[in-house]
Protein backbone atom coordinates (compact mmCIF):
# COMPACT_ATOMS: atom_id res chain seq x y z
CA MET A 1 -0.06 0.27 0.08
CA LYS A 2 2.53 2.37 1.04
CA ARG A 3 4.80 1.47 -1.98
CA ASN A 4 1.79 2.27 -4.56
CA LEU A 5 1.09 5.52 -2.30
CA ILE A 6 4.74 6.43 -2.84
CA LEU A 7 4.54 5.35 -7.04
CA LEU A 8 1.48 7.54 -7.06
CA VAL A 9 2.87 10.60 -5.28
CA GLY A 10 6.18 10.24 -7.77
CA ALA A 11 4.09 10.08 -10.63
CA PHE A 12 2.65 13.57 -9.82
CA LEU A 13 5.47 15.35 -9.52
CA MET A 14 7.28 13.82 -12.55
CA THR A 15 3.97 14.88 -14.65
CA ALA A 16 3.66 18.74 -12.35
CA CYS A 17 7.63 18.98 -13.81
CA ALA A 18 6.81 18.53 -17.48
CA VAL A 19 8.30 21.32 -20.18
CA GLN A 20 5.94 23.05 -22.14
CA LYS A 21 7.29 23.80 -25.74
CA THR A 22 6.06 27.30 -27.07
CA THR A 23 6.81 28.32 -30.30
CA TYR A 24 6.35 32.08 -32.37
CA ARG A 25 6.60 33.00 -35.33
CA GLU A 26 5.37 36.36 -36.82
CA SER A 27 5.88 38.58 -39.64
CA SER A 28 5.62 42.29 -41.59
CA ALA A 29 3.97 43.22 -44.24
CA ARG A 30 3.79 46.58 -46.09
CA VAL A 31 1.20 48.09 -43.21
CA ILE A 32 4.66 48.30 -40.90
CA GLU A 33 6.75 50.69 -42.44
CA PRO A 34 9.76 52.22 -41.04
CA GLY A 35 9.32 55.65 -38.88
CA LEU A 36 11.62 58.76 -40.37
CA SER A 37 10.76 62.01 -39.36
CA VAL A 38 12.70 63.18 -43.06
CA ILE A 39 12.98 62.76 -46.65
CA VAL A 40 16.54 63.10 -47.95
CA THR A 41 16.25 62.22 -51.39
CA PRO A 42 12.86 61.20 -52.70
CA LEU A 43 12.94 57.82 -54.63
CA ILE A 44 10.48 56.85 -57.55
CA ALA A 45 10.17 53.16 -58.58
CA ASP A 46 7.44 51.66 -60.54
CA LEU A 47 5.31 48.33 -59.70
CA GLN A 48 6.01 45.79 -62.65
CA VAL A 49 2.91 43.12 -62.34
CA ILE A 50 4.13 39.92 -62.98
CA SER A 51 1.46 37.94 -64.11
CA GLN A 52 -2.11 39.25 -65.58
CA GLU A 53 -4.29 36.82 -63.56
CA LYS A 54 -4.63 36.24 -60.27
CA ILE A 55 -2.64 33.70 -58.39
CA THR A 56 -4.57 30.30 -57.48
CA PRO A 57 -5.11 30.99 -53.86
CA TYR A 58 -2.66 30.61 -51.49
CA VAL A 59 -3.58 28.41 -48.53
CA GLU A 60 -1.90 28.20 -45.47
CA VAL A 61 -3.40 26.54 -42.09
CA PHE A 62 -1.91 27.75 -38.74
CA PRO A 63 -2.23 24.98 -36.08
CA TYR A 64 -3.86 27.19 -33.16
CA GLU A 65 -7.46 26.48 -32.50
CA VAL A 66 -9.90 28.62 -33.15
CA THR A 67 -10.74 30.56 -29.79
CA LEU A 68 -11.58 33.74 -28.33
CA PHE A 69 -8.17 34.32 -26.58
CA ASN A 70 -6.40 33.39 -30.47
CA LEU A 71 -8.42 35.40 -32.29
CA LYS A 72 -6.36 38.37 -31.59
CA TYR A 73 -3.04 36.78 -33.45
CA VAL A 74 -5.62 36.86 -36.77
CA ASP A 75 -4.00 40.12 -37.92
CA ASN A 76 -0.34 38.42 -37.54
CA PHE A 77 -1.43 35.15 -39.04
CA LYS A 78 -2.69 37.13 -42.44
CA ARG A 79 0.43 39.15 -42.34
CA THR A 80 2.41 35.98 -42.67
CA ALA A 81 0.42 33.93 -45.68
CA LEU A 82 0.63 37.30 -47.61
CA LEU A 83 4.57 37.45 -46.71
CA ASN A 84 4.78 33.81 -47.81
CA ALA A 85 2.63 34.40 -51.14
CA ALA A 86 4.80 36.73 -51.97
CA LYS A 87 8.00 34.33 -51.43
CA LYS A 88 6.19 31.38 -53.18
CA TYR A 89 5.78 33.72 -56.39
CA ASN A 90 9.17 35.63 -55.97
CA ALA A 91 7.38 38.68 -55.66
CA ASP A 92 7.50 42.10 -53.80
CA VAL A 93 3.99 42.49 -53.26
CA ILE A 94 0.81 40.95 -53.56
CA VAL A 95 -1.76 43.95 -55.33
CA GLY A 96 -5.38 43.64 -54.49
CA ALA A 97 -4.47 40.77 -52.24
CA ILE A 98 -7.85 39.33 -50.74
CA ILE A 99 -6.99 37.47 -47.59
CA ASP A 100 -9.80 35.06 -46.73
CA VAL A 101 -9.42 33.57 -42.85
CA GLU A 102 -11.56 30.14 -42.46
CA THR A 103 -11.98 27.51 -39.94
CA THR A 104 -10.55 23.82 -40.60
CA PRO A 105 -12.26 20.93 -39.97
CA LYS A 106 -10.28 20.43 -37.01
CA GLY A 107 -10.75 23.87 -35.77
CA GLU A 108 -7.64 25.60 -36.66
CA PHE A 109 -7.02 28.46 -39.01
CA GLN A 110 -6.97 28.19 -42.52
CA ILE A 111 -5.76 31.93 -44.22
CA SER A 112 -6.23 32.02 -48.48
CA VAL A 113 -4.37 34.67 -50.37
CA THR A 114 -5.43 35.84 -53.90
CA GLY A 115 -4.22 38.97 -56.12
CA TYR A 116 -1.51 39.72 -58.52
CA PRO A 117 2.17 39.07 -57.63
CA ALA A 118 4.22 42.17 -58.50
CA ARG A 119 7.67 43.60 -58.20
CA TRP A 120 9.25 46.92 -57.45
CA VAL A 121 11.48 47.95 -60.65
CA ASN A 122 13.17 50.97 -62.09
CA PHE A 123 14.28 53.32 -59.27
CA ARG A 124 14.98 56.70 -59.73
CA ASN A 125 15.68 60.20 -57.75
CA ALA A 126 12.76 62.10 -58.02
CA THR A 127 12.92 65.05 -60.52
CA ALA A 128 11.06 68.62 -60.55
CA ALA A 129 8.48 66.48 -62.89
CA ASP A 130 7.62 64.60 -59.90
CA THR A 131 6.79 67.05 -57.47
CA TRP A 132 2.84 66.40 -58.02
CA MET A 133 3.33 62.99 -56.62
CA VAL A 134 4.08 64.84 -53.06
CA ASP A 135 0.83 65.87 -52.49
CA MET A 136 -0.65 62.33 -54.03
CA PHE A 137 1.49 61.05 -51.16
CA GLN A 138 0.56 62.93 -47.97
CA MET A 139 -3.28 62.53 -49.25
CA THR A 140 -2.91 58.43 -48.63
CA PRO A 141 -5.15 57.48 -46.25
CA GLY A 142 -3.09 55.56 -43.73
CA ASN A 143 0.28 57.14 -44.35
CA SER A 144 1.98 58.61 -41.23
CA ALA A 145 3.59 61.24 -43.55
CA ALA A 146 0.13 62.94 -43.93
CA VAL A 147 0.25 63.59 -40.07
CA LEU A 148 3.22 65.43 -40.70
CA HIS A 149 1.54 67.76 -43.33
CA SER A 150 1.11 71.19 -42.70
CA THR A 151 -2.20 73.18 -44.02
CA GLU A 152 0.24 76.08 -45.49
CA LYS A 153 1.46 75.64 -49.06
CA LYS A 154 5.38 76.16 -49.18
CA PRO A 155 6.98 75.30 -53.14
CA ILE A 156 8.69 72.23 -53.06
CA LYS A 157 12.40 72.40 -54.39
CA ILE A 158 14.01 69.22 -55.84
CA ASP A 159 17.38 70.13 -57.24
CA LYS A 160 18.08 68.18 -61.13
């Protein structure tokens, strides 16, 4: 009897010391830009669409059970799937990306990405002919530079 009790207590102590493995993965997409407060030299680039047809949906399953607690990670899952879709198609960005989030039959997160893969090409310094873009850039919603925009119109001088 004492022997069984000692074995039982030993088994409880061994399970209490079990190590849990935690994994972590994060990615960033174009929604996160470096925070800069000055523009040294305006740079212009063209966006070249790689394919005129939408990519077949890139599907990634994240092995986390859909719970209220895990819903806060959905934005990171979407960014990761978008990044991996761009990598798969050797693209810098997915233009017109549509990201669908669903639950698999096993109760996990499934992210599907469709859109047009594209690459940045033809990098060049801005010229005087490109100054019209500055106002367009400052009007773009979600652009952190728009916060710094003054209501006072000042001429922009760009050296050739």
